[in-house]
Protein backbone atom coordinates (compact mmCIF):
# COMPACT_ATOMS: atom_id res chain seq x y z
CA MET A 1 77.97 197.24 -25.77
CA ALA A 2 78.67 195.56 -22.54
CA SER A 3 75.79 193.22 -23.28
CA SER A 4 77.35 192.30 -26.63
CA ARG A 5 80.72 191.52 -24.98
CA GLY A 6 79.10 189.41 -22.30
CA GLN A 7 77.19 187.47 -25.06
CA LEU A 8 80.52 187.02 -26.98
CA LEU A 9 82.27 185.75 -23.88
CA VAL A 10 79.46 183.38 -23.04
CA SER A 11 79.51 182.02 -26.62
CA ASN A 12 83.21 181.53 -26.61
CA LEU A 13 82.96 179.73 -23.26
CA GLY A 14 80.35 177.48 -24.74
CA VAL A 15 82.62 176.62 -27.69
CA LEU A 16 85.60 176.10 -25.37
CA ASN A 17 83.48 173.76 -23.16
CA LYS A 18 82.46 171.68 -26.06
CA TYR A 19 86.14 171.14 -26.98
CA LEU A 20 87.07 170.34 -23.41
CA VAL A 21 84.17 167.80 -23.33
CA ILE A 22 85.37 166.14 -26.57
CA ALA A 23 88.94 166.12 -25.36
CA PHE A 24 88.13 164.51 -22.03
CA ALA A 25 85.82 161.93 -23.61
CA SER A 26 88.51 161.01 -26.08
CA ALA A 27 91.06 160.51 -23.34
CA LEU A 28 88.71 158.50 -21.24
CA LEU A 29 87.60 156.21 -24.03
CA GLY A 30 91.13 155.96 -25.49
CA GLY A 31 92.14 154.41 -22.14
CA CYS A 32 89.51 151.72 -22.54
CA ILE A 33 90.91 150.51 -25.94
CA SER A 34 93.90 148.19 -25.78
CA ALA A 35 95.81 146.18 -28.34
CA PRO A 36 95.18 142.54 -28.28
CA PRO A 37 97.55 140.25 -26.30
CA ARG A 38 100.72 139.25 -28.02
CA ASP A 39 100.72 135.77 -26.36
CA SER A 40 98.45 133.54 -28.30
CA ALA A 41 97.76 131.42 -25.25
CA ALA A 42 96.50 134.47 -23.35
CA ALA A 43 94.12 135.52 -26.18
CA GLY A 44 91.26 133.74 -24.61
CA ARG A 45 91.91 134.90 -21.05
CA LEU A 46 90.59 138.01 -19.29
CA PRO A 47 93.30 140.43 -18.16
CA GLY A 48 94.62 139.46 -14.90
CA SER A 49 93.46 135.87 -15.01
CA GLN A 50 95.83 132.93 -14.67
CA PRO A 51 96.31 130.35 -17.47
CA ALA A 52 94.46 127.16 -17.20
CA ALA A 53 96.34 124.16 -15.69
CA PRO A 54 97.20 121.59 -18.37
CA SER A 55 94.53 118.88 -18.54
CA GLU A 56 94.85 115.41 -19.73
CA SER A 57 93.58 116.47 -23.23
CA THR A 58 96.40 118.99 -23.52
CA PRO A 59 99.34 117.36 -25.26
CA ALA A 60 102.75 117.45 -23.81
CA PRO A 61 105.38 119.74 -25.48
CA ALA A 62 107.58 117.93 -27.88
CA SER A 63 110.59 118.83 -25.88
CA THR A 64 109.23 117.02 -22.85
CA GLU A 65 108.61 113.91 -25.01
CA ARG A 66 112.00 114.02 -26.48
CA ALA A 67 113.58 114.31 -23.02
CA GLN A 68 111.71 111.24 -22.14
CA GLY A 69 112.84 109.33 -25.18
CA THR A 70 109.55 109.02 -26.85
CA ALA A 71 108.48 110.41 -30.26
CA PRO A 72 106.17 113.40 -30.32
CA GLU A 73 102.74 112.62 -31.61
CA ARG A 74 102.38 114.12 -35.14
CA THR A 75 99.10 114.61 -36.80
CA GLY A 76 97.85 116.56 -39.66
CA ALA A 77 99.03 117.29 -43.22
CA SER A 78 102.77 116.43 -42.65
CA THR A 79 101.67 112.90 -41.38
CA LEU A 80 99.41 112.23 -44.35
CA LEU A 81 102.08 113.32 -46.69
CA LEU A 82 104.55 111.17 -44.91
CA GLU A 83 102.31 108.08 -45.30
CA GLN A 84 101.73 108.90 -48.97
CA GLY A 85 105.46 109.33 -49.51
CA ARG A 86 106.30 106.04 -47.90
CA ALA A 87 103.66 104.36 -50.12
CA GLN A 88 105.29 106.00 -53.14
CA HIS A 89 108.79 104.99 -52.02
CA GLU A 90 107.73 101.40 -51.50
CA ALA A 91 106.27 101.36 -54.97
CA GLY A 92 109.58 102.53 -56.43
CA ALA A 93 108.24 105.98 -57.52
CA TYR A 94 111.18 107.89 -56.01
CA ALA A 95 110.68 111.14 -57.81
CA ASP A 96 106.98 111.29 -56.57
CA ALA A 97 108.08 110.15 -53.14
CA THR A 98 110.79 112.88 -52.99
CA SER A 99 108.26 115.51 -54.06
CA THR A 100 105.76 114.39 -51.48
CA ILE A 101 108.27 114.35 -48.64
CA GLU A 102 109.71 117.81 -49.61
CA ARG A 103 106.22 119.13 -49.55
CA ALA A 104 105.71 117.72 -46.08
CA LEU A 105 108.96 119.28 -45.07
CA ARG A 106 107.74 122.75 -46.10
CA ILE A 107 104.86 122.16 -43.59
CA ASP A 108 106.88 120.45 -40.78
CA PRO A 109 110.60 121.18 -41.28
CA ASN A 110 111.51 119.98 -37.73
CA ASN A 111 110.09 116.53 -38.11
CA PRO A 112 112.98 114.01 -38.10
CA GLU A 113 110.77 111.21 -39.63
CA LEU A 114 110.47 113.33 -42.77
CA TRP A 115 114.17 113.80 -43.08
CA LEU A 116 114.83 110.13 -42.53
CA GLU A 117 112.32 109.13 -45.20
CA LEU A 118 113.91 111.52 -47.55
CA GLY A 119 117.22 110.08 -46.69
CA GLU A 120 116.02 106.52 -47.26
CA ILE A 121 114.60 107.59 -50.67
CA LYS A 122 118.04 109.07 -51.66
CA TRP A 123 119.78 105.86 -50.41
CA ASP A 124 117.64 103.68 -52.68
CA GLU A 125 118.23 106.10 -55.58
CA GLY A 126 121.90 105.47 -55.00
CA ASN A 127 122.67 108.96 -53.70
CA ARG A 128 124.56 107.93 -50.51
CA GLU A 129 126.00 111.41 -49.88
CA GLN A 130 122.54 113.05 -49.79
CA ALA A 131 121.16 110.11 -47.79
CA GLU A 132 123.95 110.80 -45.18
CA LEU A 133 123.15 114.55 -45.04
CA MET A 134 119.44 113.84 -44.54
CA ALA A 135 120.19 111.32 -41.83
CA ARG A 136 122.40 113.78 -40.03
CA LYS A 137 119.60 116.40 -40.14
CA ALA A 138 117.21 113.87 -38.70
CA LEU A 139 119.80 113.03 -35.94
CA SER A 140 119.98 116.67 -35.07
CA LEU A 141 116.22 116.79 -34.60
CA ALA A 142 115.74 113.35 -32.97
CA ALA A 143 116.87 114.55 -29.43
CA GLY A 144 116.73 111.17 -27.67
CA ASP A 145 114.27 109.41 -29.93
CA ARG A 146 115.97 106.07 -30.07
CA ALA A 147 114.07 104.77 -33.15
CA VAL A 148 114.96 107.89 -35.25
CA GLU A 149 118.62 107.69 -34.11
CA SER A 150 118.86 103.97 -35.02
CA ARG A 151 117.41 104.47 -38.37
CA ALA A 152 119.67 107.51 -39.06
CA MET A 153 122.76 105.60 -38.03
CA ARG A 154 122.03 102.91 -40.62
CA LEU A 155 122.22 105.55 -43.31
CA ILE A 156 125.34 107.14 -41.94
CA ARG A 157 127.41 103.89 -41.77
């Protein structure tokens, strides 16, 4: 009888040991897993490393460019749509130009050039009130860009 109690005790300890090993391994491995960084700039860096210094190929932020009075460089779909909208505007296709510029604004709503172009289209359509609203929106986004401010003021006066 003592022998069977001893075997039962040993088998229970064996099961307990297995659970302890599994719990310890889970805790150990759980500490190795972490969520990805929230900062997209930090996504490519190793933890604890410093961000790379800006290089000549890194574009300056738009706020710096605006503070210096220069227009930010815009590329991509909104720029292509702006060019297409200008061509449609110059051809007198105001509805098409409006549609194209509004599409570009959905992509880049903080681009004052897009708001100006839409204001100029509205002006040419005879909708002076809408033209002025678009010009005022462009002015609010221009932040020191003298060319944008000058074009906007022509629509407001």
